[in-house]
C-alpha atoms as a PDB file:
ATOM      1  CA  UNK A   1      -0.053  -0.344   0.239  1.00  0.00           C
ATOM      2  CA  UNK A   2       1.350   3.391  -0.952  1.00  0.00           C
ATOM      3  CA  UNK A   3       0.247   6.860   0.405  1.00  0.00           C
ATOM      4  CA  UNK A   4       0.546  10.040  -1.913  1.00  0.00           C
ATOM      5  CA  UNK A   5       2.539  12.662  -0.131  1.00  0.00           C
ATOM      6  CA  UNK A   6       0.740  15.530   0.968  1.00  0.00           C
ATOM      7  CA  UNK A   7       0.662  19.011  -1.226  1.00  0.00           C
ATOM      8  CA  UNK A   8       2.722  21.842   0.316  1.00  0.00           C
ATOM      9  CA  UNK A   9       0.168  24.230   1.465  1.00  0.00           C
ATOM     10  CA  UNK A  10      -0.448  27.506  -0.792  1.00  0.00           C
ATOM     11  CA  UNK A  11       0.038  31.048   0.843  1.00  0.00           C
ATOM     12  CA  UNK A  12      -3.487  31.693   1.635  1.00  0.00           C
ATOM     13  CA  UNK A  13      -3.579  28.352   3.284  1.00  0.00           C
ATOM     14  CA  UNK A  14      -0.635  29.059   5.154  1.00  0.00           C
ATOM     15  CA  UNK A  15      -1.789  32.357   6.488  1.00  0.00           C
ATOM     16  CA  UNK A  16      -5.500  30.806   7.278  1.00  0.00           C
ATOM     17  CA  UNK A  17      -3.779  28.075   9.580  1.00  0.00           C
ATOM     18  CA  UNK A  18      -1.382  31.227  11.117  1.00  0.00           C
ATOM     19  CA  UNK A  19      -4.492  32.889  12.171  1.00  0.00           C
ATOM     20  CA  UNK A  20      -6.403  29.817  13.560  1.00  0.00           C
ATOM     21  CA  UNK A  21      -3.821  29.404  15.813  1.00  0.00           C
ATOM     22  CA  UNK A  22      -3.257  32.753  16.945  1.00  0.00           C
ATOM     23  CA  UNK A  23      -7.176  32.882  17.982  1.00  0.00           C
ATOM     24  CA  UNK A  24      -6.323  29.114  19.557  1.00  0.00           C
ATOM     25  CA  UNK A  25      -3.661  30.607  21.488  1.00  0.00           C
ATOM     26  CA  UNK A  26      -5.558  33.644  22.786  1.00  0.00           C
ATOM     27  CA  UNK A  27      -8.423  31.325  23.661  1.00  0.00           C
ATOM     28  CA  UNK A  28      -6.301  28.857  25.572  1.00  0.00           C
ATOM     29  CA  UNK A  29      -4.882  32.053  27.472  1.00  0.00           C
ATOM     30  CA  UNK A  30      -8.265  33.965  28.338  1.00  0.00           C
ATOM     31  CA  UNK A  31      -9.442  30.125  29.405  1.00  0.00           C
ATOM     32  CA  UNK A  32      -6.403  29.749  32.099  1.00  0.00           C
ATOM     33  CA  UNK A  33      -6.964  33.233  33.160  1.00  0.00           C
ATOM     34  CA  UNK A  34     -10.853  33.148  33.546  1.00  0.00           C
ATOM     35  CA  UNK A  35     -12.003  29.790  32.642  1.00  0.00           C
ATOM     36  CA  UNK A  36     -14.672  29.076  29.577  1.00  0.00           C
ATOM     37  CA  UNK A  37     -17.225  30.680  31.250  1.00  0.00           C
ATOM     38  CA  UNK A  38     -15.686  34.026  32.057  1.00  0.00           C
ATOM     39  CA  UNK A  39     -14.539  34.362  28.368  1.00  0.00           C
ATOM     40  CA  UNK A  40     -16.280  35.305  25.374  1.00  0.00           C
ATOM     41  CA  UNK A  41     -15.793  34.900  21.928  1.00  0.00           C
ATOM     42  CA  UNK A  42     -15.440  38.728  21.519  1.00  0.00           C
ATOM     43  CA  UNK A  43     -12.690  39.101  24.045  1.00  0.00           C
ATOM     44  CA  UNK A  44     -10.735  36.084  22.139  1.00  0.00           C
ATOM     45  CA  UNK A  45     -10.989  37.860  18.907  1.00  0.00           C
ATOM     46  CA  UNK A  46      -9.550  41.101  20.739  1.00  0.00           C
ATOM     47  CA  UNK A  47      -6.678  39.235  22.187  1.00  0.00           C
ATOM     48  CA  UNK A  48      -5.877  37.849  19.018  1.00  0.00           C
ATOM     49  CA  UNK A  49      -6.189  40.986  17.240  1.00  0.00           C
ATOM     50  CA  UNK A  50      -9.048  39.505  14.698  1.00  0.00           C
ATOM     51  CA  UNK A  51     -12.600  40.690  13.899  1.00  0.00           C
ATOM     52  CA  UNK A  52     -15.088  38.855  15.725  1.00  0.00           C
ATOM     53  CA  UNK A  53     -16.589  37.897  12.062  1.00  0.00           C
ATOM     54  CA  UNK A  54     -13.010  36.576  11.271  1.00  0.00           C
ATOM     55  CA  UNK A  55     -13.493  34.320  14.397  1.00  0.00           C
ATOM     56  CA  UNK A  56     -16.782  33.257  13.364  1.00  0.00           C
ATOM     57  CA  UNK A  57     -15.436  32.590   9.941  1.00  0.00           C
ATOM     58  CA  UNK A  58     -12.951  29.912  11.421  1.00  0.00           C
ATOM     59  CA  UNK A  59     -14.801  28.812  14.463  1.00  0.00           C
ATOM     60  CA  UNK A  60     -18.149  28.046  15.687  1.00  0.00           C
ATOM     61  CA  UNK A  61     -17.982  28.948  18.949  1.00  0.00           C
ATOM     62  CA  UNK A  62     -15.370  29.561  21.881  1.00  0.00           C
ATOM     63  CA  UNK A  63     -14.676  26.287  22.690  1.00  0.00           C
ATOM     64  CA  UNK A  64     -14.016  25.318  19.520  1.00  0.00           C
ATOM     65  CA  UNK A  65     -10.907  27.580  19.357  1.00  0.00           C
ATOM     66  CA  UNK A  66      -8.479  25.624  21.070  1.00  0.00           C
ATOM     67  CA  UNK A  67      -9.017  22.753  18.462  1.00  0.00           C
ATOM     68  CA  UNK A  68      -5.899  23.843  16.698  1.00  0.00           C
ATOM     69  CA  UNK A  69      -3.842  23.356  20.064  1.00  0.00           C
ATOM     70  CA  UNK A  70      -5.101  20.117  20.936  1.00  0.00           C
ATOM     71  CA  UNK A  71      -4.405  18.714  17.330  1.00  0.00           C
ATOM     72  CA  UNK A  72      -1.055  19.938  17.148  1.00  0.00           C
ATOM     73  CA  UNK A  73       0.536  17.468  18.948  1.00  0.00           C
ATOM     74  CA  UNK A  74      -1.106  14.433  17.103  1.00  0.00           C
ATOM     75  CA  UNK A  75      -0.459  16.107  13.960  1.00  0.00           C
ATOM     76  CA  UNK A  76       3.584  16.130  14.889  1.00  0.00           C
ATOM     77  CA  UNK A  77       3.845  12.656  15.842  1.00  0.00           C
ATOM     78  CA  UNK A  78       1.760  11.395  12.802  1.00  0.00           C
ATOM     79  CA  UNK A  79       4.119  13.105  10.338  1.00  0.00           C
ATOM     80  CA  UNK A  80       6.982  11.814  11.938  1.00  0.00           C
ATOM     81  CA  UNK A  81       5.596   8.156  12.053  1.00  0.00           C
ATOM     82  CA  UNK A  82       4.703   9.241   8.184  1.00  0.00           C
ATOM     83  CA  UNK A  83       8.470   9.679   7.319  1.00  0.00           C
ATOM     84  CA  UNK A  84       9.473   6.312   8.867  1.00  0.00           C
ATOM     85  CA  UNK A  85      11.076   3.882   6.535  1.00  0.00           C
ATOM     86  CA  UNK A  86       8.584   1.052   6.204  1.00  0.00           C
ATOM     87  CA  UNK A  87      10.397  -2.107   7.790  1.00  0.00           C
ATOM     88  CA  UNK A  88      13.446  -0.241   9.341  1.00  0.00           C
ATOM     89  CA  UNK A  89      12.013  -1.039  12.358  1.00  0.00           C
ATOM     90  CA  UNK A  90       8.839  -2.564  14.512  1.00  0.00           C
ATOM     91  CA  UNK A  91       6.077  -0.745  13.758  1.00  0.00           C
ATOM     92  CA  UNK A  92       5.388  -0.214  17.809  1.00  0.00           C
ATOM     93  CA  UNK A  93       8.850   0.992  17.908  1.00  0.00           C
ATOM     94  CA  UNK A  94       8.565   3.402  15.209  1.00  0.00           C
ATOM     95  CA  UNK A  95       5.331   4.649  16.862  1.00  0.00           C
ATOM     96  CA  UNK A  96       6.697   4.809  20.080  1.00  0.00           C
ATOM     97  CA  UNK A  97       9.880   6.873  18.914  1.00  0.00           C
ATOM     98  CA  UNK A  98       7.434   9.374  17.012  1.00  0.00           C
ATOM     99  CA  UNK A  99       5.482   9.850  20.064  1.00  0.00           C
ATOM    100  CA  UNK A 100       8.228  10.237  22.058  1.00  0.00           C
ATOM    101  CA  UNK A 101       9.911  12.848  19.764  1.00  0.00           C
ATOM    102  CA  UNK A 102       6.464  14.861  19.292  1.00  0.00           C
ATOM    103  CA  UNK A 103       5.972  15.090  22.833  1.00  0.00           C
ATOM    104  CA  UNK A 104       9.712  16.055  23.721  1.00  0.00           C
ATOM    105  CA  UNK A 105      10.388  19.489  25.231  1.00  0.00           C
ATOM    106  CA  UNK A 106      13.987  20.766  23.880  1.00  0.00           C
ATOM    107  CA  UNK A 107      12.764  24.524  24.127  1.00  0.00           C
ATOM    108  CA  UNK A 108      10.444  26.752  26.280  1.00  0.00           C
ATOM    109  CA  UNK A 109       7.815  26.900  23.354  1.00  0.00           C
ATOM    110  CA  UNK A 110       7.411  23.189  23.554  1.00  0.00           C
ATOM    111  CA  UNK A 111       7.155  23.223  27.319  1.00  0.00           C
ATOM    112  CA  UNK A 112       4.579  26.119  26.978  1.00  0.00           C
ATOM    113  CA  UNK A 113       2.665  24.161  24.483  1.00  0.00           C
ATOM    114  CA  UNK A 114       2.198  21.579  26.993  1.00  0.00           C
ATOM    115  CA  UNK A 115       1.362  23.381  29.571  1.00  0.00           C
ATOM    116  CA  UNK A 116      -1.633  25.027  27.398  1.00  0.00           C
ATOM    117  CA  UNK A 117      -2.743  21.387  26.710  1.00  0.00           C
ATOM    118  CA  UNK A 118      -2.713  20.756  30.601  1.00  0.00           C
ATOM    119  CA  UNK A 119      -4.936  24.040  31.161  1.00  0.00           C
ATOM    120  CA  UNK A 120      -7.271  23.230  28.653  1.00  0.00           C
ATOM    121  CA  UNK A 121      -7.914  19.579  29.892  1.00  0.00           C
ATOM    122  CA  UNK A 122      -8.060  20.789  33.327  1.00  0.00           C
ATOM    123  CA  UNK A 123     -11.103  23.354  32.115  1.00  0.00           C
ATOM    124  CA  UNK A 124     -12.509  20.598  29.818  1.00  0.00           C
ATOM    125  CA  UNK A 125     -13.313  18.571  33.107  1.00  0.00           C
ATOM    126  CA  UNK A 126     -16.043  21.089  33.952  1.00  0.00           C
ATOM    127  CA  UNK A 127     -17.212  22.405  30.677  1.00  0.00           C
ATOM    128  CA  UNK A 128     -18.785  19.736  28.450  1.00  0.00           C
ATOM    129  CA  UNK A 129     -18.586  21.420  25.049  1.00  0.00           C
ATOM    130  CA  UNK A 130     -14.793  21.919  25.719  1.00  0.00           C
ATOM    131  CA  UNK A 131     -14.505  18.303  26.623  1.00  0.00           C
ATOM    132  CA  UNK A 132     -16.275  17.315  23.042  1.00  0.00           C
ATOM    133  CA  UNK A 133     -13.703  19.410  21.304  1.00  0.00           C
ATOM    134  CA  UNK A 134     -11.029  17.347  23.063  1.00  0.00           C
ATOM    135  CA  UNK A 135     -12.867  14.222  21.886  1.00  0.00           C
ATOM    136  CA  UNK A 136     -13.457  14.951  18.199  1.00  0.00           C
ATOM    137  CA  UNK A 137      -9.616  15.848  18.049  1.00  0.00           C
ATOM    138  CA  UNK A 138      -8.816  12.170  19.354  1.00  0.00           C
ATOM    139  CA  UNK A 139     -11.340  11.006  16.742  1.00  0.00           C
ATOM    140  CA  UNK A 140     -10.248  12.701  13.888  1.00  0.00           C
ATOM    141  CA  UNK A 141      -6.609  11.926  14.816  1.00  0.00           C
ATOM    142  CA  UNK A 142      -7.459   8.263  15.005  1.00  0.00           C
ATOM    143  CA  UNK A 143      -8.921   8.427  11.686  1.00  0.00           C
ATOM    144  CA  UNK A 144      -6.234  10.298  10.256  1.00  0.00           C
ATOM    145  CA  UNK A 145      -3.574   7.752  11.583  1.00  0.00           C
ATOM    146  CA  UNK A 146      -5.146   4.637   9.925  1.00  0.00           C
ATOM    147  CA  UNK A 147      -3.338   5.223   6.298  1.00  0.00           C
ATOM    148  CA  UNK A 148      -0.442   6.098   8.016  1.00  0.00           C
ATOM    149  CA  UNK A 149      -0.104   2.881   9.907  1.00  0.00           C
ATOM    150  CA  UNK A 150      -1.059   0.719   7.074  1.00  0.00           C
ATOM    151  CA  UNK A 151       1.307   2.257   4.960  1.00  0.00           C
ATOM    152  CA  UNK A 152       4.007   1.070   7.470  1.00  0.00           C
ATOM    153  CA  UNK A 153       2.363  -2.053   8.031  1.00  0.00           C
ATOM    154  CA  UNK A 154       2.335  -3.393   4.088  1.00  0.00           C
ATOM    155  CA  UNK A 155      -0.164  -4.480   1.719  1.00  0.00           C
ATOM    156  CA  UNK A 156      -1.159  -7.885   3.868  1.00  0.00           C
ATOM    157  CA  UNK A 157      -1.925  -6.106   6.525  1.00  0.00           C
ATOM    158  CA  UNK A 158      -5.859  -6.915   7.817  1.00  0.00           C
ATOM    159  CA  UNK A 159      -7.534  -3.489   8.035  1.00  0.00           C
ATOM    160  CA  UNK A 160      -9.304  -4.653  11.319  1.00  0.00           C
ATOM    161  CA  UNK A 161      -6.096  -4.881  12.741  1.00  0.00           C
ATOM    162  CA  UNK A 162      -5.021  -1.541  11.340  1.00  0.00           C
ATOM    163  CA  UNK A 163      -8.088   0.201  12.763  1.00  0.00           C
ATOM    164  CA  UNK A 164      -7.414  -1.616  16.186  1.00  0.00           C
ATOM    165  CA  UNK A 165      -3.821  -0.289  16.312  1.00  0.00           C
ATOM    166  CA  UNK A 166      -5.026   3.154  15.429  1.00  0.00           C
ATOM    167  CA  UNK A 167      -7.628   3.289  18.507  1.00  0.00           C
ATOM    168  CA  UNK A 168      -5.202   1.803  20.722  1.00  0.00           C
ATOM    169  CA  UNK A 169      -2.381   4.358  20.059  1.00  0.00           C
ATOM    170  CA  UNK A 170      -4.881   7.162  19.977  1.00  0.00           C
ATOM    171  CA  UNK A 171      -6.178   6.199  23.377  1.00  0.00           C
ATOM    172  CA  UNK A 172      -2.802   5.530  24.570  1.00  0.00           C
ATOM    173  CA  UNK A 173      -1.963   9.172  24.183  1.00  0.00           C
ATOM    174  CA  UNK A 174      -5.161  10.822  25.317  1.00  0.00           C
ATOM    175  CA  UNK A 175      -4.929   8.898  28.692  1.00  0.00           C
ATOM    176  CA  UNK A 176      -1.773   9.806  29.005  1.00  0.00           C
ATOM    177  CA  UNK A 177      -2.322  13.473  28.595  1.00  0.00           C
ATOM    178  CA  UNK A 178      -5.184  13.236  30.402  1.00  0.00           C
ATOM    179  CA  UNK A 179      -3.385  11.715  33.641  1.00  0.00           C
ATOM    180  CA  UNK A 180      -0.568  14.141  33.102  1.00  0.00           C
ATOM    181  CA  UNK A 181      -2.389  17.041  33.076  1.00  0.00           C
ATOM    182  CA  UNK A 182      -3.926  16.363  36.268  1.00  0.00           C
ATOM    183  CA  UNK A 183      -0.836  16.366  38.164  1.00  0.00           C
ATOM    184  CA  UNK A 184       1.847  19.013  38.631  1.00  0.00           C
ATOM    185  CA  UNK A 185       4.495  17.012  36.775  1.00  0.00           C
ATOM    186  CA  UNK A 186       6.582  18.980  34.531  1.00  0.00           C
ATOM    187  CA  UNK A 187       6.497  18.905  30.558  1.00  0.00           C
ATOM    188  CA  UNK A 188       9.100  16.467  30.301  1.00  0.00           C
ATOM    189  CA  UNK A 189       7.290  13.832  31.997  1.00  0.00           C
ATOM    190  CA  UNK A 190       4.727  13.657  29.362  1.00  0.00           C
ATOM    191  CA  UNK A 191       6.463  11.751  26.772  1.00  0.00           C
ATOM    192  CA  UNK A 192       7.691   8.965  29.242  1.00  0.00           C
ATOM    193  CA  UNK A 193       4.284   8.546  30.215  1.00  0.00           C
ATOM    194  CA  UNK A 194       2.618   8.455  26.921  1.00  0.00           C
ATOM    195  CA  UNK A 195       5.287   5.662  25.915  1.00  0.00           C
ATOM    196  CA  UNK A 196       4.256   3.657  29.069  1.00  0.00           C
ATOM    197  CA  UNK A 197       0.455   3.848  28.090  1.00  0.00           C
ATOM    198  CA  UNK A 198       1.424   2.864  24.469  1.00  0.00           C
ATOM    199  CA  UNK A 199       2.967  -0.100  25.541  1.00  0.00           C
ATOM    200  CA  UNK A 200       0.246  -1.003  27.690  1.00  0.00           C
ATOM    201  CA  UNK A 201      -2.536  -0.430  25.532  1.00  0.00           C
ATOM    202  CA  UNK A 202      -1.247  -2.231  22.483  1.00  0.00           C
ATOM    203  CA  UNK A 203       0.395  -5.015  24.000  1.00  0.00           C
ATOM    204  CA  UNK A 204      -2.510  -7.256  22.691  1.00  0.00           C
ATOM    205  CA  UNK A 205      -2.746  -5.820  19.046  1.00  0.00           C
ATOM    206  CA  UNK A 206      -1.453  -8.260  16.634  1.00  0.00           C
ATOM    207  CA  UNK A 207      -0.394  -5.572  14.291  1.00  0.00           C
ATOM    208  CA  UNK A 208       2.573  -4.703  16.901  1.00  0.00           C
ATOM    209  CA  UNK A 209       3.687  -8.794  17.385  1.00  0.00           C
ATOM    210  CA  UNK A 210       6.609 -10.132  15.898  1.00  0.00           C
ATOM    211  CA  UNK A 211       5.456 -11.829  12.857  1.00  0.00           C
END
């Protein structure tokens, strides 16, 4: 099985993504300061430096605005996994390596990103709409992971095994981040916790077993 490399983003698409990320960061900052209930879409737009109509062009409501931040980590580890050479290392090892690299904190910007995630997951515990955004981000991540795993597993891979592997891997990261967010552990402890959850949850998945 082969996958078509994604086409480069156009300038317009890059600008759109940058604006969405600016809004997402503004929303995360305000949620951390005031909580979702104490924050309005107008305040998020003002903090991001965009018009309210621009906010609603990209997001349906204030909770949706943080989706780019919540999905960013998954995008990074899928990209790392997709770049792996099929068969070079066992699939579980390639997946664990990509997740560990994506959650690493080589600089303060990466650490700050994880701290934002912690704040959002804590806020989501008391906000059903924000929690729904988090669950949707994980569901979309699982769906996008399937073709990546299928390409690495090879043409003979059972589609059901691929789907189970994608679900197990996605849930491993979700559980790890949720558990880490409820503690005061420093950002660099998120990656090893995610690796542990991955090993635990994929232990019975045949796609990751030696053939």
